[in-house]
Amino acid sequence: MIGSRTTVRGRITITIVAAIAVALLGVVTAAAAAPGAGAAGTRAATERAPAAPRAAATGSIIVVRRAGGQDSLWRVSPADAGAAKLVDLPFRPARMAGSPDTGKIAILPAPGGARIYVYDIAGAKLTALSFATLGVRRIDGFTWVSSTRILVSAATTTRAMQYPFADRLYTIATTGGKPVAFRGLHGTEPSAAPGADRLLYVRFRDAGPNAADPQSRLVVEDLMSLKLAPGGKPEVVKHARYSDSYDIRLYRDPDVSADGKYVVSSTTGSDVSATYAVRRVATGKLVCSKRTTLGPRDRTAWNHAGDRVAFWGMPPAGNMLTAALYVCDVATAKIASDGPFSKVAVTGLAWAPDDALLAYAMRSRSGGADKGRLWTIDPGTSATPTDLGEGSLPVWVP
């Protein structure tokens, strides 16, 4: 963390410890049963009290299923686990997100590239949208800014960067047309609330040599907010400056609530931890936070009302072989948890259309983002999770 400077020897020690921890996780995972085994997945039998009445399941959940080396989109019923294949994918997906009108799903392939794909649910059509004409070679993130327009952060190099100084913002219409630069802005990891006309993203700047450490440079990381309406100007929500030798992030993967009032992001430290923080967009004031151990790539999900956000991580008091789900209620600033889950990582979270249930996909730690098992839960209650079979990267639609 900033303020607790790490020496070169300290950084090497931390790196070695982290590497050993990850290696141990891989060894244990290889010998463990796949997530989903047992009556309630990998949860301990004594973990929950007698089940409470379960909320009614509505809509359907679009997921990725992988079989025989082929990834496909499937529609799964949360009521009875019935499933139907929608389309085969010519790539392995890394992320998915539904459009504001719930009629389309944007899919980012792994490991990036210059294309993003859109699946039209009603038309059963998969379309590739390319940013190659702008010199883009790697898309790092994306968000819907309307039901017909996607905004991405992208670079002109294929190399993944800890601090993507060169990332720019671009948009493209799903109805056709060429991609264009978005207001000439630099930024990465965008998240939009189209209904609130609000965009959040991260901006990096190189602040020059670090006088205290000639072998490093100073990084400026800004959490930015922008009104999407014409004439809107970027505003700084939070600001930090630190040495690039710390290998940390302060506002990673921001996710803005549907009403544009709150944003959740995570701080990752060289001590292999991740602290999730929920803030008010207008002031940057902290609402609630949760520290987790050996933090994974962030998976967060706001409910439709914008008053609860779900995320996941390893409990600080855990044994680095368990994970938990957390839900922050912004009205009370309290965090409820479900878990622990054993030997798994979360690949996606999605709220039901009525916000009554939360879908989560889990995989073994050695699996890919497109391999997992799908569950639903009434978070923070004693209701037993429902196993819906194979599925990853869930998107819940009406």
Protein backbone atom coordinates (compact mmCIF):
# COMPACT_ATOMS: atom_id res chain seq x y z
CA MET A 1 0.00 0.00 0.00
CA ILE A 2 1.06 3.63 -0.48
CA GLY A 3 2.93 4.95 2.51
CA SER A 4 4.56 1.62 3.36
CA ARG A 5 7.43 1.74 0.94
CA THR A 6 8.78 -1.59 -0.26
CA THR A 7 12.50 -2.16 -0.82
CA VAL A 8 13.79 -4.11 -3.80
CA ARG A 9 14.54 -7.06 -1.53
CA GLY A 10 11.06 -6.73 0.00
CA ARG A 11 9.43 -6.77 -3.38
CA ILE A 12 11.36 -9.89 -4.40
CA THR A 13 10.31 -11.62 -1.18
CA ILE A 14 6.67 -10.72 -1.71
CA THR A 15 6.82 -11.93 -5.31
CA ILE A 16 8.30 -15.26 -4.23
CA VAL A 17 5.68 -15.70 -1.50
CA ALA A 18 2.90 -14.91 -3.94
CA ALA A 19 4.33 -17.35 -6.50
CA ILE A 20 4.55 -20.12 -3.90
CA ALA A 21 0.96 -19.45 -2.81
CA VAL A 22 -0.30 -19.62 -6.37
CA ALA A 23 1.67 -22.80 -7.04
CA LEU A 24 0.22 -24.44 -3.94
CA LEU A 25 -3.26 -23.47 -5.08
CA GLY A 26 -2.66 -25.17 -8.42
CA VAL A 27 -1.41 -28.37 -6.75
CA VAL A 28 -4.36 -28.56 -4.38
CA THR A 29 -6.84 -27.76 -7.14
CA ALA A 30 -5.55 -30.51 -9.37
CA ALA A 31 -6.31 -33.06 -6.68
CA ALA A 32 -9.66 -31.52 -5.67
CA ALA A 33 -13.13 -32.34 -6.89
CA ALA A 34 -14.65 -29.94 -9.43
CA PRO A 35 -16.90 -27.18 -8.07
CA GLY A 36 -20.48 -28.32 -7.89
CA ALA A 37 -19.81 -31.71 -6.36
CA GLY A 38 -22.04 -32.57 -3.44
CA ALA A 39 -25.52 -31.56 -2.43
CA ALA A 40 -24.68 -27.87 -2.15
CA GLY A 41 -21.62 -27.59 -4.38
CA THR A 42 -18.42 -27.23 -2.41
CA ARG A 43 -19.96 -25.51 0.60
CA ALA A 44 -19.50 -27.04 4.04
CA ALA A 45 -22.45 -29.14 5.17
CA THR A 46 -22.73 -27.29 8.47
CA GLU A 47 -22.36 -23.84 6.97
CA ARG A 48 -26.01 -22.77 6.74
CA ALA A 49 -28.99 -22.84 9.03
CA PRO A 50 -32.20 -24.56 7.86
CA ALA A 51 -33.22 -23.16 4.50
CA ALA A 52 -35.47 -20.11 4.38
CA PRO A 53 -38.22 -19.76 1.73
CA ARG A 54 -36.59 -19.10 -1.63
CA ALA A 55 -37.47 -16.13 -3.84
CA ALA A 56 -39.20 -16.97 -7.13
CA ALA A 57 -36.84 -17.29 -10.11
CA THR A 58 -37.72 -15.17 -13.16
CA GLY A 59 -36.28 -14.60 -16.61
CA SER A 60 -33.41 -16.67 -17.98
CA ILE A 61 -29.63 -16.67 -17.69
CA ILE A 62 -27.34 -16.57 -20.72
CA VAL A 63 -24.07 -18.39 -20.05
CA VAL A 64 -21.06 -19.89 -21.78
CA ARG A 65 -20.65 -23.64 -21.78
CA ARG A 66 -17.53 -25.38 -23.05
CA ALA A 67 -17.55 -28.96 -24.32
CA GLY A 68 -15.10 -30.80 -26.53
CA GLY A 69 -13.02 -27.68 -27.07
CA GLN A 70 -16.05 -25.67 -28.29
CA ASP A 71 -17.57 -22.68 -26.48
CA SER A 72 -21.26 -21.96 -26.96
CA LEU A 73 -23.90 -19.61 -25.61
CA TRP A 74 -26.74 -21.29 -23.74
CA ARG A 75 -29.99 -20.07 -22.23
CA VAL A 76 -30.61 -21.55 -18.76
CA SER A 77 -33.88 -21.43 -16.83
CA PRO A 78 -33.29 -20.40 -13.20
CA ALA A 79 -36.57 -22.10 -12.27
CA ASP A 80 -35.85 -25.68 -13.37
CA ALA A 81 -32.27 -25.61 -14.83
CA GLY A 82 -33.60 -26.39 -18.30
CA ALA A 83 -31.11 -25.31 -20.96
CA ALA A 84 -31.03 -24.68 -24.72
CA LYS A 85 -28.04 -23.89 -26.91
CA LEU A 86 -28.19 -20.56 -28.72
CA VAL A 87 -25.03 -20.37 -30.85
CA ASP A 88 -21.48 -21.73 -31.13
CA LEU A 89 -18.72 -19.16 -30.59
CA PRO A 90 -15.64 -19.00 -32.85
CA PHE A 91 -13.48 -17.88 -29.90
CA ARG A 92 -13.05 -18.30 -26.15
CA PRO A 93 -14.78 -15.44 -24.29
CA ALA A 94 -13.30 -13.46 -21.41
CA ARG A 95 -16.20 -11.13 -20.52
CA MET A 96 -19.88 -10.67 -21.35
CA ALA A 97 -22.35 -7.85 -20.64
CA GLY A 98 -26.00 -7.33 -21.54
CA SER A 99 -27.27 -4.22 -23.33
CA PRO A 100 -29.48 -1.70 -21.48
CA ASP A 101 -32.56 -2.95 -23.36
CA THR A 102 -31.57 -6.58 -22.48
CA GLY A 103 -31.86 -7.59 -26.14
CA LYS A 104 -28.17 -8.04 -26.92
CA ILE A 105 -25.00 -9.38 -25.30
CA ALA A 106 -21.53 -7.98 -25.95
CA ILE A 107 -18.71 -10.52 -25.72
CA LEU A 108 -15.00 -9.81 -25.44
CA PRO A 109 -12.78 -12.65 -26.67
CA ALA A 110 -9.71 -13.81 -24.77
CA PRO A 111 -6.99 -12.61 -24.92
CA GLY A 112 -8.31 -9.38 -26.42
CA GLY A 113 -7.62 -8.48 -30.05
CA ALA A 114 -9.31 -5.77 -32.12
CA ARG A 115 -12.81 -7.26 -32.19
CA ILE A 116 -15.78 -7.39 -29.90
CA TYR A 117 -18.82 -9.54 -30.68
CA VAL A 118 -22.52 -8.83 -30.21
CA TYR A 119 -25.18 -11.50 -29.99
CA ASP A 120 -28.75 -10.44 -30.83
CA ILE A 121 -30.97 -12.67 -28.70
CA ALA A 122 -34.21 -12.25 -30.66
CA GLY A 123 -32.50 -12.45 -34.05
CA ALA A 124 -30.19 -15.31 -32.98
CA LYS A 125 -27.33 -13.55 -34.77
CA LEU A 126 -23.68 -13.15 -33.76
CA THR A 127 -21.89 -10.10 -35.25
CA ALA A 128 -18.23 -9.11 -35.06
CA LEU A 129 -17.38 -5.43 -34.61
CA SER A 130 -13.80 -4.48 -35.47
CA PHE A 131 -11.69 -1.54 -34.32
CA ALA A 132 -8.72 -2.52 -36.51
CA THR A 133 -9.17 0.49 -38.83
CA LEU A 134 -8.16 2.71 -35.90
CA GLY A 135 -4.93 0.77 -35.36
CA VAL A 136 -6.34 -1.08 -32.34
CA ARG A 137 -4.63 -4.38 -31.57
CA ARG A 138 -5.92 -5.13 -28.07
CA ILE A 139 -9.25 -4.25 -26.41
CA ASP A 140 -8.81 -4.05 -22.63
CA GLY A 141 -12.37 -3.27 -21.53
CA PHE A 142 -15.83 -2.31 -22.74
CA THR A 143 -19.22 -1.01 -21.65
CA TRP A 144 -22.61 -0.25 -23.17
CA VAL A 145 -23.27 3.50 -23.42
CA SER A 146 -26.68 2.94 -25.04
CA SER A 147 -28.65 -0.02 -26.39
CA THR A 148 -27.01 0.48 -29.81
CA ARG A 149 -23.52 1.74 -28.94
CA ILE A 150 -20.50 0.18 -27.22
CA LEU A 151 -17.51 2.03 -25.80
CA VAL A 152 -14.15 0.26 -25.44
CA SER A 153 -10.73 1.03 -24.02
CA ALA A 154 -8.01 -0.21 -26.32
CA ALA A 155 -4.34 -0.03 -27.23
CA THR A 156 -2.34 -0.15 -30.44
CA THR A 157 -0.07 -2.85 -29.04
CA THR A 158 -0.80 -6.46 -28.14
CA ARG A 159 1.29 -6.25 -24.99
CA ALA A 160 -0.69 -6.15 -21.75
CA MET A 161 0.46 -3.36 -19.45
CA GLN A 162 0.27 -3.00 -15.66
CA TYR A 163 -0.31 0.72 -16.20
CA PRO A 164 -1.92 1.21 -19.65
CA PHE A 165 -0.85 4.83 -20.25
CA ALA A 166 -1.59 4.61 -23.98
CA ASP A 167 -5.12 3.21 -23.76
CA ARG A 168 -7.75 5.35 -25.50
CA LEU A 169 -11.54 5.30 -25.58
CA TYR A 170 -13.44 4.42 -28.75
CA THR A 171 -17.07 3.81 -29.67
CA ILE A 172 -18.91 1.82 -32.30
CA ALA A 173 -22.57 1.38 -33.21
CA THR A 174 -23.99 -2.13 -33.13
CA THR A 175 -26.22 -1.21 -36.09
CA GLY A 176 -23.30 -0.69 -38.43
CA GLY A 177 -20.79 2.04 -39.18
CA LYS A 178 -17.15 2.69 -38.44
CA PRO A 179 -15.52 2.91 -35.01
CA VAL A 180 -14.54 6.38 -33.88
CA ALA A 181 -12.39 7.87 -31.13
CA PHE A 182 -14.45 9.00 -28.14
CA ARG A 183 -13.83 12.70 -27.55
CA GLY A 184 -10.09 12.19 -27.88
CA LEU A 185 -9.91 10.78 -24.35
CA HIS A 186 -7.23 8.56 -22.87
CA GLY A 187 -8.55 5.98 -20.41
CA THR A 188 -9.11 2.35 -19.56
CA GLU A 189 -11.61 0.05 -17.80
CA PRO A 190 -14.77 2.01 -18.70
CA SER A 191 -18.13 1.50 -16.97
CA ALA A 192 -21.29 3.37 -17.98
CA ALA A 193 -24.75 3.96 -16.54
CA PRO A 194 -26.67 4.85 -19.72
CA GLY A 195 -29.87 5.62 -17.84
CA ALA A 196 -28.02 8.16 -15.73
CA ASP A 197 -25.92 9.48 -18.63
CA ARG A 198 -22.73 8.76 -16.68
CA LEU A 199 -19.37 7.16 -17.56
CA LEU A 200 -16.63 6.12 -15.11
CA TYR A 201 -13.13 5.13 -16.21
CA VAL A 202 -9.49 5.11 -15.09
CA ARG A 203 -6.85 7.45 -16.48
CA PHE A 204 -3.09 6.89 -16.08
CA ARG A 205 -0.31 9.43 -16.48
CA ASP A 206 3.46 9.11 -16.23
CA ALA A 207 4.56 11.68 -13.63
CA GLY A 208 8.26 11.33 -14.37
CA PRO A 209 11.24 9.94 -12.44
CA ASN A 210 10.90 9.08 -8.77
CA ALA A 211 13.47 11.18 -6.90
CA ALA A 212 13.33 8.80 -3.94
CA ASP A 213 14.09 5.77 -6.11
CA PRO A 214 16.04 6.39 -9.36
CA GLN A 215 15.11 2.92 -10.63
CA SER A 216 11.39 3.70 -10.69
CA ARG A 217 8.93 6.25 -12.07
CA LEU A 218 5.88 7.93 -10.59
CA VAL A 219 2.39 6.93 -11.75
CA VAL A 220 -0.71 9.08 -11.48
CA GLU A 221 -3.95 7.10 -11.36
CA ASP A 222 -7.24 9.01 -11.59
CA LEU A 223 -10.75 7.66 -11.20
CA MET A 224 -12.67 9.75 -13.72
CA SER A 225 -16.34 10.64 -14.15
CA LEU A 226 -17.91 12.04 -17.32
CA LYS A 227 -21.39 13.17 -18.27
CA LEU A 228 -22.18 11.39 -21.53
CA ALA A 229 -24.30 14.23 -22.88
CA PRO A 230 -22.60 16.51 -25.42
CA GLY A 231 -20.43 19.06 -23.69
CA GLY A 232 -19.74 16.87 -20.66
CA LYS A 233 -16.23 17.31 -19.27
CA PRO A 234 -14.13 14.72 -17.39
CA GLU A 235 -13.98 15.19 -13.63
CA VAL A 236 -11.64 13.54 -11.13
CA VAL A 237 -13.46 11.46 -8.50
CA LYS A 238 -10.30 10.19 -6.77
CA HIS A 239 -6.62 10.81 -7.41
CA ALA A 240 -3.43 9.01 -6.39
CA ARG A 241 0.29 9.15 -7.16
CA TYR A 242 2.68 6.32 -6.39
CA SER A 243 5.84 4.57 -7.54
CA ASP A 244 5.51 1.99 -10.31
CA SER A 245 7.83 -0.23 -8.24
CA TYR A 246 4.98 -0.94 -5.80
CA ASP A 247 3.04 -3.00 -8.40
CA ILE A 248 -0.30 -1.74 -7.06
CA ARG A 249 -3.56 -0.32 -8.36
CA LEU A 250 -5.83 2.09 -6.48
CA TYR A 251 -9.07 2.18 -8.53
CA ARG A 252 -9.04 -1.00 -10.58
CA ASP A 253 -12.06 -2.07 -12.66
CA PRO A 254 -14.58 0.61 -11.61
CA ASP A 255 -18.23 -0.44 -11.88
CA VAL A 256 -20.85 2.31 -11.69
CA SER A 257 -24.37 1.77 -10.34
CA ALA A 258 -27.36 2.02 -12.68
CA ASP A 259 -28.37 5.38 -11.20
CA GLY A 260 -24.84 6.75 -11.60
CA LYS A 261 -24.56 7.63 -7.90
CA TYR A 262 -22.06 5.02 -6.70
CA VAL A 263 -18.98 3.24 -8.00
CA VAL A 264 -17.19 0.15 -6.75
CA SER A 265 -13.52 -0.48 -7.51
CA SER A 266 -10.64 -2.32 -5.92
CA THR A 267 -7.22 -1.50 -4.57
CA THR A 268 -4.64 -4.19 -5.17
CA GLY A 269 -1.43 -4.26 -3.17
CA SER A 270 1.98 -5.87 -3.36
CA ASP A 271 0.88 -7.86 -0.30
CA VAL A 272 -1.33 -10.03 -2.59
CA SER A 273 -4.55 -8.46 -1.33
CA ALA A 274 -7.52 -6.65 -2.83
CA THR A 275 -9.72 -4.16 -1.02
CA TYR A 276 -13.09 -3.42 -2.59
CA ALA A 277 -14.37 0.11 -2.00
CA VAL A 278 -17.78 1.62 -2.74
CA ARG A 279 -17.79 5.41 -3.15
CA ARG A 280 -20.17 8.21 -4.03
CA VAL A 281 -19.45 9.41 -7.56
CA ALA A 282 -20.26 13.05 -6.80
CA THR A 283 -17.85 13.38 -3.87
CA GLY A 284 -15.59 10.32 -3.86
CA LYS A 285 -16.68 9.69 -0.26
CA LEU A 286 -16.23 6.10 0.92
CA VAL A 287 -19.47 4.23 1.68
CA CYS A 288 -18.15 0.77 2.55
CA SER A 289 -15.07 -1.36 1.96
CA LYS A 290 -13.93 -4.96 2.32
CA ARG A 291 -10.41 -6.36 2.36
CA THR A 292 -9.85 -9.78 0.78
CA THR A 293 -6.76 -11.97 0.50
CA LEU A 294 -5.01 -12.95 -2.73
CA GLY A 295 -7.52 -10.82 -4.66
CA PRO A 296 -8.59 -12.14 -8.05
CA ARG A 297 -9.53 -10.22 -11.16
CA ASP A 298 -12.56 -8.23 -10.12
CA ARG A 299 -16.07 -9.54 -10.67
CA THR A 300 -18.68 -7.11 -9.44
CA ALA A 301 -22.40 -6.61 -10.16
CA TRP A 302 -24.79 -3.83 -9.19
CA ASN A 303 -28.45 -4.65 -8.80
CA HIS A 304 -30.94 -2.79 -11.00
CA ALA A 305 -32.07 -0.50 -8.19
CA GLY A 306 -28.48 0.67 -7.67
CA ASP A 307 -28.57 0.14 -3.90
CA ARG A 308 -26.66 -3.16 -3.59
CA VAL A 309 -23.45 -4.36 -5.19
CA ALA A 310 -22.06 -7.89 -5.17
CA PHE A 311 -18.38 -8.84 -5.37
CA TRP A 312 -16.18 -11.73 -4.30
CA GLY A 313 -12.81 -12.57 -2.83
CA MET A 314 -10.93 -14.74 -0.39
CA PRO A 315 -11.71 -14.01 3.28
CA PRO A 316 -8.66 -12.48 5.06
CA ALA A 317 -8.91 -15.13 7.78
CA GLY A 318 -9.25 -17.95 5.28
CA ASN A 319 -6.69 -20.49 4.15
CA MET A 320 -6.33 -19.11 0.58
CA LEU A 321 -8.32 -22.11 -0.64
CA THR A 322 -11.76 -20.60 -0.08
CA ALA A 323 -13.79 -17.79 -1.58
CA ALA A 324 -16.81 -15.81 -0.42
CA LEU A 325 -19.54 -13.65 -1.94
CA TYR A 326 -20.15 -10.19 -0.48
CA VAL A 327 -23.01 -7.72 -0.92
CA CYS A 328 -22.75 -4.08 0.16
CA ASP A 329 -26.00 -2.24 0.94
CA VAL A 330 -25.25 1.43 0.26
CA ALA A 331 -28.17 2.64 2.41
CA THR A 332 -26.81 1.00 5.57
CA ALA A 333 -23.14 0.76 4.53
CA LYS A 334 -23.23 -2.84 5.76
CA ILE A 335 -21.74 -5.87 4.00
CA ALA A 336 -23.36 -9.31 4.08
CA SER A 337 -21.45 -12.42 3.07
CA ASP A 338 -22.14 -15.93 1.78
CA GLY A 339 -19.61 -18.71 1.93
CA PRO A 340 -16.96 -19.85 2.21
CA PHE A 341 -16.78 -21.82 -1.02
CA SER A 342 -13.89 -24.25 -1.35
CA LYS A 343 -11.24 -24.38 -4.08
CA VAL A 344 -13.11 -22.16 -6.53
CA ALA A 345 -12.91 -18.79 -8.29
CA VAL A 346 -15.86 -16.70 -9.46
CA THR A 347 -16.12 -16.00 -13.20
CA GLY A 348 -19.22 -13.84 -13.13
CA LEU A 349 -22.10 -12.36 -11.14
CA ALA A 350 -25.56 -11.26 -12.31
CA TRP A 351 -28.72 -10.08 -10.55
CA ALA A 352 -32.20 -11.28 -11.47
CA PRO A 353 -34.43 -8.71 -13.25
CA ASP A 354 -36.34 -8.16 -9.99
CA ASP A 355 -33.13 -8.14 -7.87
CA ALA A 356 -34.46 -11.04 -5.77
CA LEU A 357 -31.67 -13.51 -6.62
CA LEU A 358 -28.01 -13.38 -7.51
CA ALA A 359 -26.45 -15.72 -10.08
CA TYR A 360 -22.80 -16.64 -9.72
CA ALA A 361 -20.53 -18.89 -11.77
CA MET A 362 -17.62 -20.72 -10.18
CA ARG A 363 -14.73 -22.69 -11.56
CA SER A 364 -11.76 -24.58 -10.19
CA ARG A 365 -8.72 -22.35 -9.84
CA SER A 366 -7.00 -24.09 -12.74
CA GLY A 367 -9.92 -23.62 -15.15
CA GLY A 368 -10.55 -20.85 -17.70
CA ALA A 369 -13.12 -18.06 -17.50
CA ASP A 370 -15.37 -20.02 -19.85
CA LYS A 371 -15.47 -23.14 -17.65
CA GLY A 372 -17.59 -23.07 -14.56
CA ARG A 373 -20.76 -24.10 -12.78
CA LEU A 374 -23.81 -21.88 -12.37
CA TRP A 375 -25.63 -21.23 -9.10
CA THR A 376 -28.29 -18.84 -7.83
CA ILE A 377 -28.71 -17.61 -4.28
CA ASP A 378 -30.83 -15.23 -2.25
CA PRO A 379 -27.83 -13.35 -0.84
CA GLY A 380 -27.50 -12.78 2.87
CA THR A 381 -30.23 -15.26 3.79
CA SER A 382 -30.26 -18.88 4.91
CA ALA A 383 -31.70 -20.07 1.60
CA THR A 384 -29.79 -22.96 0.02
CA PRO A 385 -28.04 -22.14 -3.30
CA THR A 386 -29.57 -23.69 -6.42
CA ASP A 387 -27.29 -25.63 -8.76
CA LEU A 388 -28.15 -24.91 -12.42
CA GLY A 389 -25.45 -27.05 -14.02
CA GLU A 390 -22.57 -26.00 -16.23
CA GLY A 391 -22.23 -22.36 -17.13
CA SER A 392 -19.95 -19.35 -16.86
CA LEU A 393 -19.97 -15.56 -17.41
CA PRO A 394 -23.71 -15.21 -16.61
CA VAL A 395 -25.97 -12.49 -18.02
CA TRP A 396 -29.51 -12.50 -16.56
CA VAL A 397 -32.25 -11.31 -18.95
CA PRO A 398 -36.04 -11.00 -18.51
